[in-house]
Protein backbone atom coordinates (compact mmCIF):
# COMPACT_ATOMS: atom_id res chain seq x y z
CA UNK A 1 -0.17 20.37 -19.37
CA UNK A 2 -1.60 18.87 -16.17
CA UNK A 3 -4.94 20.62 -16.44
CA UNK A 4 -5.32 19.42 -20.04
CA UNK A 5 -5.09 15.79 -18.98
CA UNK A 6 -8.27 13.82 -19.44
CA UNK A 7 -9.01 10.64 -17.54
CA UNK A 8 -9.28 8.66 -20.77
CA UNK A 9 -5.58 9.36 -21.34
CA UNK A 10 -4.58 7.70 -18.08
CA UNK A 11 -3.34 4.14 -17.81
CA UNK A 12 -4.17 2.28 -14.62
CA UNK A 13 -1.69 -0.50 -13.94
CA UNK A 14 -0.04 -2.40 -11.12
CA UNK A 15 2.92 -0.64 -9.49
CA UNK A 16 6.46 -1.76 -10.33
CA UNK A 17 9.69 -1.45 -8.39
CA UNK A 18 10.81 1.19 -10.86
CA UNK A 19 7.93 3.40 -9.68
CA UNK A 20 9.38 3.63 -6.14
CA UNK A 21 10.81 7.15 -6.42
CA UNK A 22 7.52 8.62 -7.67
CA UNK A 23 5.46 6.63 -5.15
CA UNK A 24 7.66 8.01 -2.37
CA UNK A 25 7.27 11.54 -3.69
CA UNK A 26 3.48 11.17 -3.74
CA UNK A 27 3.47 9.66 -0.24
CA UNK A 28 5.13 12.90 0.85
CA UNK A 29 2.28 14.89 -0.69
CA UNK A 30 -0.10 12.75 1.35
CA UNK A 31 1.77 13.77 4.50
CA UNK A 32 4.00 10.71 4.88
CA UNK A 33 7.56 11.70 3.93
CA UNK A 34 9.24 8.63 2.46
CA UNK A 35 12.60 8.06 0.79
CA UNK A 36 12.97 6.06 -2.40
CA UNK A 37 14.91 3.40 -0.47
CA UNK A 38 12.11 3.11 2.10
CA UNK A 39 9.52 2.80 -0.65
CA UNK A 40 11.51 0.11 -2.46
CA UNK A 41 11.74 -1.87 0.77
CA UNK A 42 8.03 -1.46 1.48
CA UNK A 43 7.11 -2.60 -2.01
CA UNK A 44 9.17 -5.76 -1.52
CA UNK A 45 7.57 -6.44 1.87
CA UNK A 46 3.96 -6.16 0.75
CA UNK A 47 2.98 -9.80 0.31
CA UNK A 48 1.21 -11.98 -0.56
CA UNK A 49 -0.01 -10.63 -3.88
CA UNK A 50 -3.40 -12.28 -3.29
CA UNK A 51 -4.00 -9.90 -0.36
CA UNK A 52 -2.46 -6.67 -1.68
CA UNK A 53 -2.83 -4.59 -4.82
CA UNK A 54 -0.96 -1.40 -5.58
CA UNK A 55 -2.29 0.46 -8.59
CA UNK A 56 -0.83 3.54 -10.26
CA UNK A 57 -2.36 6.07 -12.63
CA UNK A 58 0.12 7.04 -15.34
CA UNK A 59 0.09 9.57 -18.14
CA UNK A 60 0.80 8.38 -21.71
CA UNK A 61 4.45 9.46 -21.33
CA UNK A 62 4.68 7.19 -18.29
CA UNK A 63 4.64 9.73 -15.45
CA UNK A 64 2.86 8.30 -12.42
CA UNK A 65 0.35 10.84 -11.13
CA UNK A 66 -1.28 8.78 -8.38
CA UNK A 67 -1.33 5.51 -6.50
CA UNK A 68 -3.67 3.37 -4.44
CA UNK A 69 -2.85 0.51 -2.05
CA UNK A 70 -5.65 -1.95 -1.28
CA UNK A 71 -5.64 -4.98 0.99
CA UNK A 72 -8.07 -7.83 1.37
CA UNK A 73 -9.10 -8.16 5.00
CA UNK A 74 -10.57 -11.46 6.18
CA UNK A 75 -12.13 -10.47 9.51
CA UNK A 76 -14.13 -12.19 12.21
CA UNK A 77 -16.76 -9.50 12.65
CA UNK A 78 -17.72 -9.01 8.97
CA UNK A 79 -17.43 -10.77 5.62
CA UNK A 80 -14.17 -10.43 3.71
CA UNK A 81 -13.64 -6.85 2.58
CA UNK A 82 -11.18 -4.64 0.79
CA UNK A 83 -9.50 -1.80 2.62
CA UNK A 84 -8.00 1.22 0.87
CA UNK A 85 -4.83 1.77 2.89
CA UNK A 86 -3.66 4.76 0.90
CA UNK A 87 -4.73 6.82 -2.09
CA UNK A 88 -2.99 9.90 -3.40
CA UNK A 89 -3.06 11.87 -6.62
CA UNK A 90 -0.42 14.51 -7.21
CA UNK A 91 -1.68 18.00 -6.46
CA UNK A 92 -1.26 19.15 -10.08
CA UNK A 93 -3.43 16.26 -11.30
CA UNK A 94 -6.33 16.31 -8.85
CA UNK A 95 -9.94 16.56 -10.07
CA UNK A 96 -9.05 15.05 -13.44
CA UNK A 97 -10.38 11.54 -12.84
CA UNK A 98 -7.26 9.66 -11.71
CA UNK A 99 -8.58 8.99 -8.21
CA UNK A 100 -11.89 7.66 -9.49
CA UNK A 101 -10.11 5.40 -11.98
CA UNK A 102 -7.82 4.09 -9.25
CA UNK A 103 -10.83 3.36 -7.03
CA UNK A 104 -12.62 1.57 -9.87
CA UNK A 105 -9.57 -0.65 -10.51
CA UNK A 106 -9.28 -1.40 -6.79
CA UNK A 107 -12.97 -2.25 -6.50
CA UNK A 108 -12.80 -4.59 -9.50
CA UNK A 109 -9.77 -6.35 -8.02
CA UNK A 110 -11.49 -6.64 -4.62
CA UNK A 111 -14.55 -8.23 -6.26
CA UNK A 112 -12.30 -10.83 -7.90
CA UNK A 113 -10.85 -11.60 -4.45
CA UNK A 114 -14.35 -12.30 -3.09
CA UNK A 115 -14.87 -9.02 -1.25
CA UNK A 116 -18.40 -7.84 -0.57
CA UNK A 117 -17.36 -4.25 0.16
CA UNK A 118 -14.46 -1.81 0.21
CA UNK A 119 -13.72 0.47 3.16
CA UNK A 120 -11.52 3.52 3.45
CA UNK A 121 -10.41 5.62 6.41
CA UNK A 122 -9.73 9.29 5.88
CA UNK A 123 -8.31 11.81 8.32
CA UNK A 124 -10.95 14.21 9.65
CA UNK A 125 -9.03 17.17 8.21
CA UNK A 126 -9.27 15.86 4.61
CA UNK A 127 -12.66 17.32 3.75
CA UNK A 128 -11.95 17.37 0.02
CA UNK A 129 -11.15 13.65 0.16
CA UNK A 130 -14.37 12.97 2.07
CA UNK A 131 -16.40 14.61 -0.68
CA UNK A 132 -14.45 12.62 -3.29
CA UNK A 133 -15.30 9.30 -1.61
CA UNK A 134 -18.96 10.26 -1.28
CA UNK A 135 -19.10 11.20 -4.98
CA UNK A 136 -17.73 7.74 -5.69
CA UNK A 137 -20.46 5.95 -3.76
CA UNK A 138 -18.85 5.58 -0.34
CA UNK A 139 -20.92 6.39 2.72
CA UNK A 140 -19.68 7.74 6.02
CA UNK A 141 -20.80 5.08 8.46
CA UNK A 142 -18.61 5.50 11.54
CA UNK A 143 -16.40 8.01 13.35
CA UNK A 144 -13.64 6.66 15.53
CA UNK A 145 -10.35 7.52 17.15
CA UNK A 146 -7.10 5.93 16.01
CA UNK A 147 -4.50 4.77 18.51
CA UNK A 148 -0.87 3.80 17.97
CA UNK A 149 1.87 2.38 20.17
CA UNK A 150 5.51 2.15 19.19
CA UNK A 151 6.87 -1.32 19.91
């Protein structure tokens, strides 16, 4: 059934607490294993709503096939912008339009928040994702290293 899905059959909506199990499952597909309990907690912690949007793509029967988390970033060095913090579409549902619809919803929301642009970071090993973003009008403008410190 997955390959028969057409993007016009998808519903793009804001995520709900009841989506936590599926969001966690999809986060695992993205390479970030997450339990349902962790996802529920994270959903509760993401505030304020004026700075965060979590969209899901759902089939008519309600199954969530993808999600996108966007934040509004007021920064000193550039005008306010949106940042895609995460985007994943379930493997069985890729290349059917869900990702593009999620991006379009995120971009529309970012415009309403006063953003002039939307940025996304993508791991260097995700070549398929890079091509997806380019097809959707994003340009590769910088390469950088990411650093992390446990505190």
